[in-house]
């Protein structure tokens, strides 16, 4: 159930919706929105948005830093995500490839992958060239 949309919550939600291809820490969000929303409001609203299933909270790669990604948009529902451990960019895996992977794991390992909750970590092409 959605919580009342306060001005601060709307600012945060709009910011996250504009950065769907990124995994962003609460500190980065608070810094980006410092002129419009308090740090405590960022943390409070992130917690509520996570409970509502509108954002995903992930412990990022080797750093153990907690990052968030907006998943309430229609494009994110039910998608496997690929996340670069160097730059943090997160993208949707191509549907046909994701379906092949999910079907293969189900057939060979008798295991059902929840695509909406799965993030595969690696290095994007841009970072691999750097």
C-alpha atoms as a PDB file:
ATOM      1  CA  UNK A   1       0.000   0.000   0.000  1.00  0.00           C
ATOM      2  CA  UNK A   2       1.378   3.366  -0.992  1.00  0.00           C
ATOM      3  CA  UNK A   3       2.169   5.963   1.618  1.00  0.00           C
ATOM      4  CA  UNK A   4       0.920   9.553   1.394  1.00  0.00           C
ATOM      5  CA  UNK A   5       2.973  11.450  -1.194  1.00  0.00           C
ATOM      6  CA  UNK A   6       4.679  14.280   0.683  1.00  0.00           C
ATOM      7  CA  UNK A   7       6.654  16.948  -1.174  1.00  0.00           C
ATOM      8  CA  UNK A   8       9.954  15.397  -0.012  1.00  0.00           C
ATOM      9  CA  UNK A   9       8.858  11.903  -1.017  1.00  0.00           C
ATOM     10  CA  UNK A  10       7.833  13.171  -4.464  1.00  0.00           C
ATOM     11  CA  UNK A  11      11.235  14.848  -4.933  1.00  0.00           C
ATOM     12  CA  UNK A  12      13.007  11.616  -3.949  1.00  0.00           C
ATOM     13  CA  UNK A  13      10.784   9.409  -6.112  1.00  0.00           C
ATOM     14  CA  UNK A  14      11.218  11.713  -9.117  1.00  0.00           C
ATOM     15  CA  UNK A  15      15.002  11.670  -8.637  1.00  0.00           C
ATOM     16  CA  UNK A  16      15.097   7.867  -8.441  1.00  0.00           C
ATOM     17  CA  UNK A  17      12.825   7.522 -11.495  1.00  0.00           C
ATOM     18  CA  UNK A  18      15.291   9.682 -13.463  1.00  0.00           C
ATOM     19  CA  UNK A  19      18.181   7.379 -12.466  1.00  0.00           C
ATOM     20  CA  UNK A  20      16.746   3.921 -13.124  1.00  0.00           C
ATOM     21  CA  UNK A  21      19.961   2.751 -14.766  1.00  0.00           C
ATOM     22  CA  UNK A  22      22.021   3.449 -11.663  1.00  0.00           C
ATOM     23  CA  UNK A  23      22.509   1.894  -8.267  1.00  0.00           C
ATOM     24  CA  UNK A  24      22.882   4.837  -5.905  1.00  0.00           C
ATOM     25  CA  UNK A  25      23.843   4.975  -2.230  1.00  0.00           C
ATOM     26  CA  UNK A  26      21.713   6.867   0.278  1.00  0.00           C
ATOM     27  CA  UNK A  27      24.635   9.261   0.778  1.00  0.00           C
ATOM     28  CA  UNK A  28      24.816  10.023  -2.949  1.00  0.00           C
ATOM     29  CA  UNK A  29      21.072  10.622  -3.046  1.00  0.00           C
ATOM     30  CA  UNK A  30      21.182  12.874   0.018  1.00  0.00           C
ATOM     31  CA  UNK A  31      24.062  14.855  -1.495  1.00  0.00           C
ATOM     32  CA  UNK A  32      22.278  15.268  -4.839  1.00  0.00           C
ATOM     33  CA  UNK A  33      19.082  16.435  -3.128  1.00  0.00           C
ATOM     34  CA  UNK A  34      20.685  18.404  -0.279  1.00  0.00           C
ATOM     35  CA  UNK A  35      19.017  21.669  -1.322  1.00  0.00           C
ATOM     36  CA  UNK A  36      15.513  20.188  -1.374  1.00  0.00           C
ATOM     37  CA  UNK A  37      15.272  17.291   1.104  1.00  0.00           C
ATOM     38  CA  UNK A  38      16.934  16.526   4.433  1.00  0.00           C
ATOM     39  CA  UNK A  39      19.274  13.577   4.866  1.00  0.00           C
ATOM     40  CA  UNK A  40      16.998  12.027   7.491  1.00  0.00           C
ATOM     41  CA  UNK A  41      14.026  12.312   5.109  1.00  0.00           C
ATOM     42  CA  UNK A  42      16.047  10.530   2.415  1.00  0.00           C
ATOM     43  CA  UNK A  43      16.766   7.582   4.730  1.00  0.00           C
ATOM     44  CA  UNK A  44      13.201   7.474   6.089  1.00  0.00           C
ATOM     45  CA  UNK A  45      11.658   7.535   2.627  1.00  0.00           C
ATOM     46  CA  UNK A  46      14.112   4.991   1.195  1.00  0.00           C
ATOM     47  CA  UNK A  47      13.059   2.585   3.917  1.00  0.00           C
ATOM     48  CA  UNK A  48       9.367   3.140   3.143  1.00  0.00           C
ATOM     49  CA  UNK A  49       9.887   2.840  -0.626  1.00  0.00           C
ATOM     50  CA  UNK A  50      11.766  -0.434  -0.114  1.00  0.00           C
ATOM     51  CA  UNK A  51       8.956  -1.817   2.054  1.00  0.00           C
ATOM     52  CA  UNK A  52       6.500  -0.914  -0.722  1.00  0.00           C
ATOM     53  CA  UNK A  53       8.624  -2.700  -3.344  1.00  0.00           C
ATOM     54  CA  UNK A  54       9.310   0.498  -5.301  1.00  0.00           C
ATOM     55  CA  UNK A  55      13.068   0.342  -4.842  1.00  0.00           C
ATOM     56  CA  UNK A  56      15.525  -2.490  -4.484  1.00  0.00           C
ATOM     57  CA  UNK A  57      18.173  -2.411  -1.759  1.00  0.00           C
ATOM     58  CA  UNK A  58      21.370  -4.232  -2.718  1.00  0.00           C
ATOM     59  CA  UNK A  59      24.732  -4.647  -1.022  1.00  0.00           C
ATOM     60  CA  UNK A  60      27.094  -3.536  -3.756  1.00  0.00           C
ATOM     61  CA  UNK A  61      29.826  -5.916  -4.876  1.00  0.00           C
ATOM     62  CA  UNK A  62      33.085  -5.915  -2.967  1.00  0.00           C
ATOM     63  CA  UNK A  63      32.543  -2.669  -1.064  1.00  0.00           C
ATOM     64  CA  UNK A  64      29.567  -3.881   0.991  1.00  0.00           C
ATOM     65  CA  UNK A  65      28.036  -0.451   0.402  1.00  0.00           C
ATOM     66  CA  UNK A  66      24.244  -0.465   0.340  1.00  0.00           C
ATOM     67  CA  UNK A  67      22.830   0.948  -2.884  1.00  0.00           C
ATOM     68  CA  UNK A  68      19.299   1.478  -4.137  1.00  0.00           C
ATOM     69  CA  UNK A  69      17.669   1.140  -7.530  1.00  0.00           C
ATOM     70  CA  UNK A  70      14.221   2.331  -8.530  1.00  0.00           C
ATOM     71  CA  UNK A  71      12.199  -0.633  -9.816  1.00  0.00           C
ATOM     72  CA  UNK A  72       8.648   0.708  -9.745  1.00  0.00           C
ATOM     73  CA  UNK A  73       8.724   1.583 -13.438  1.00  0.00           C
ATOM     74  CA  UNK A  74       7.113  -0.878 -15.820  1.00  0.00           C
ATOM     75  CA  UNK A  75      10.424  -1.533 -17.583  1.00  0.00           C
ATOM     76  CA  UNK A  76      12.023  -2.941 -14.424  1.00  0.00           C
ATOM     77  CA  UNK A  77       9.295  -5.325 -13.334  1.00  0.00           C
ATOM     78  CA  UNK A  78      10.415  -8.891 -13.926  1.00  0.00           C
ATOM     79  CA  UNK A  79      13.765  -8.016 -15.529  1.00  0.00           C
ATOM     80  CA  UNK A  80      17.168  -9.435 -14.780  1.00  0.00           C
ATOM     81  CA  UNK A  81      19.628  -6.610 -14.145  1.00  0.00           C
ATOM     82  CA  UNK A  82      23.314  -6.347 -14.988  1.00  0.00           C
ATOM     83  CA  UNK A  83      25.332  -4.073 -12.699  1.00  0.00           C
ATOM     84  CA  UNK A  84      28.876  -2.839 -13.272  1.00  0.00           C
ATOM     85  CA  UNK A  85      31.038  -3.183 -10.170  1.00  0.00           C
ATOM     86  CA  UNK A  86      33.281  -0.340 -11.348  1.00  0.00           C
ATOM     87  CA  UNK A  87      30.921   2.478 -12.368  1.00  0.00           C
ATOM     88  CA  UNK A  88      27.670   1.268 -10.780  1.00  0.00           C
ATOM     89  CA  UNK A  89      25.622   1.499 -13.982  1.00  0.00           C
ATOM     90  CA  UNK A  90      22.763  -0.991 -13.973  1.00  0.00           C
ATOM     91  CA  UNK A  91      20.919  -2.100 -17.116  1.00  0.00           C
ATOM     92  CA  UNK A  92      18.248  -4.597 -18.072  1.00  0.00           C
ATOM     93  CA  UNK A  93      19.486  -7.860 -19.548  1.00  0.00           C
ATOM     94  CA  UNK A  94      17.950  -8.498 -22.964  1.00  0.00           C
ATOM     95  CA  UNK A  95      14.675 -10.370 -22.416  1.00  0.00           C
ATOM     96  CA  UNK A  96      15.474 -13.275 -24.754  1.00  0.00           C
ATOM     97  CA  UNK A  97      18.852 -13.868 -23.097  1.00  0.00           C
ATOM     98  CA  UNK A  98      17.370 -13.548 -19.594  1.00  0.00           C
ATOM     99  CA  UNK A  99      14.596 -16.005 -20.440  1.00  0.00           C
ATOM    100  CA  UNK A 100      17.141 -18.482 -21.836  1.00  0.00           C
ATOM    101  CA  UNK A 101      19.241 -18.212 -18.668  1.00  0.00           C
ATOM    102  CA  UNK A 102      16.231 -18.598 -16.357  1.00  0.00           C
ATOM    103  CA  UNK A 103      14.892 -21.572 -18.341  1.00  0.00           C
ATOM    104  CA  UNK A 104      18.326 -23.237 -18.399  1.00  0.00           C
ATOM    105  CA  UNK A 105      18.780 -22.895 -14.632  1.00  0.00           C
ATOM    106  CA  UNK A 106      15.260 -24.221 -14.049  1.00  0.00           C
ATOM    107  CA  UNK A 107      15.832 -27.255 -16.305  1.00  0.00           C
ATOM    108  CA  UNK A 108      19.393 -28.089 -15.249  1.00  0.00           C
ATOM    109  CA  UNK A 109      19.440 -27.126 -11.587  1.00  0.00           C
ATOM    110  CA  UNK A 110      15.758 -27.461 -10.678  1.00  0.00           C
ATOM    111  CA  UNK A 111      15.849 -23.896  -9.380  1.00  0.00           C
ATOM    112  CA  UNK A 112      13.484 -21.032 -10.153  1.00  0.00           C
ATOM    113  CA  UNK A 113      15.105 -17.592 -10.485  1.00  0.00           C
ATOM    114  CA  UNK A 114      13.091 -14.531  -9.462  1.00  0.00           C
ATOM    115  CA  UNK A 115      14.055 -12.183 -12.301  1.00  0.00           C
ATOM    116  CA  UNK A 116      12.745  -9.114 -10.492  1.00  0.00           C
ATOM    117  CA  UNK A 117      15.043  -9.767  -7.536  1.00  0.00           C
ATOM    118  CA  UNK A 118      18.174 -10.810  -9.397  1.00  0.00           C
ATOM    119  CA  UNK A 119      21.214  -8.667 -10.175  1.00  0.00           C
ATOM    120  CA  UNK A 120      24.216 -10.065 -12.023  1.00  0.00           C
ATOM    121  CA  UNK A 121      27.476  -8.264 -11.278  1.00  0.00           C
ATOM    122  CA  UNK A 122      30.354  -7.816 -13.667  1.00  0.00           C
ATOM    123  CA  UNK A 123      32.151  -5.091 -15.621  1.00  0.00           C
ATOM    124  CA  UNK A 124      30.496  -3.105 -18.419  1.00  0.00           C
ATOM    125  CA  UNK A 125      32.187  -2.734 -21.814  1.00  0.00           C
ATOM    126  CA  UNK A 126      33.091   0.916 -21.158  1.00  0.00           C
ATOM    127  CA  UNK A 127      34.863   0.131 -17.861  1.00  0.00           C
ATOM    128  CA  UNK A 128      36.551  -2.956 -19.340  1.00  0.00           C
ATOM    129  CA  UNK A 129      38.215  -0.716 -21.959  1.00  0.00           C
ATOM    130  CA  UNK A 130      39.419   1.798 -19.379  1.00  0.00           C
END
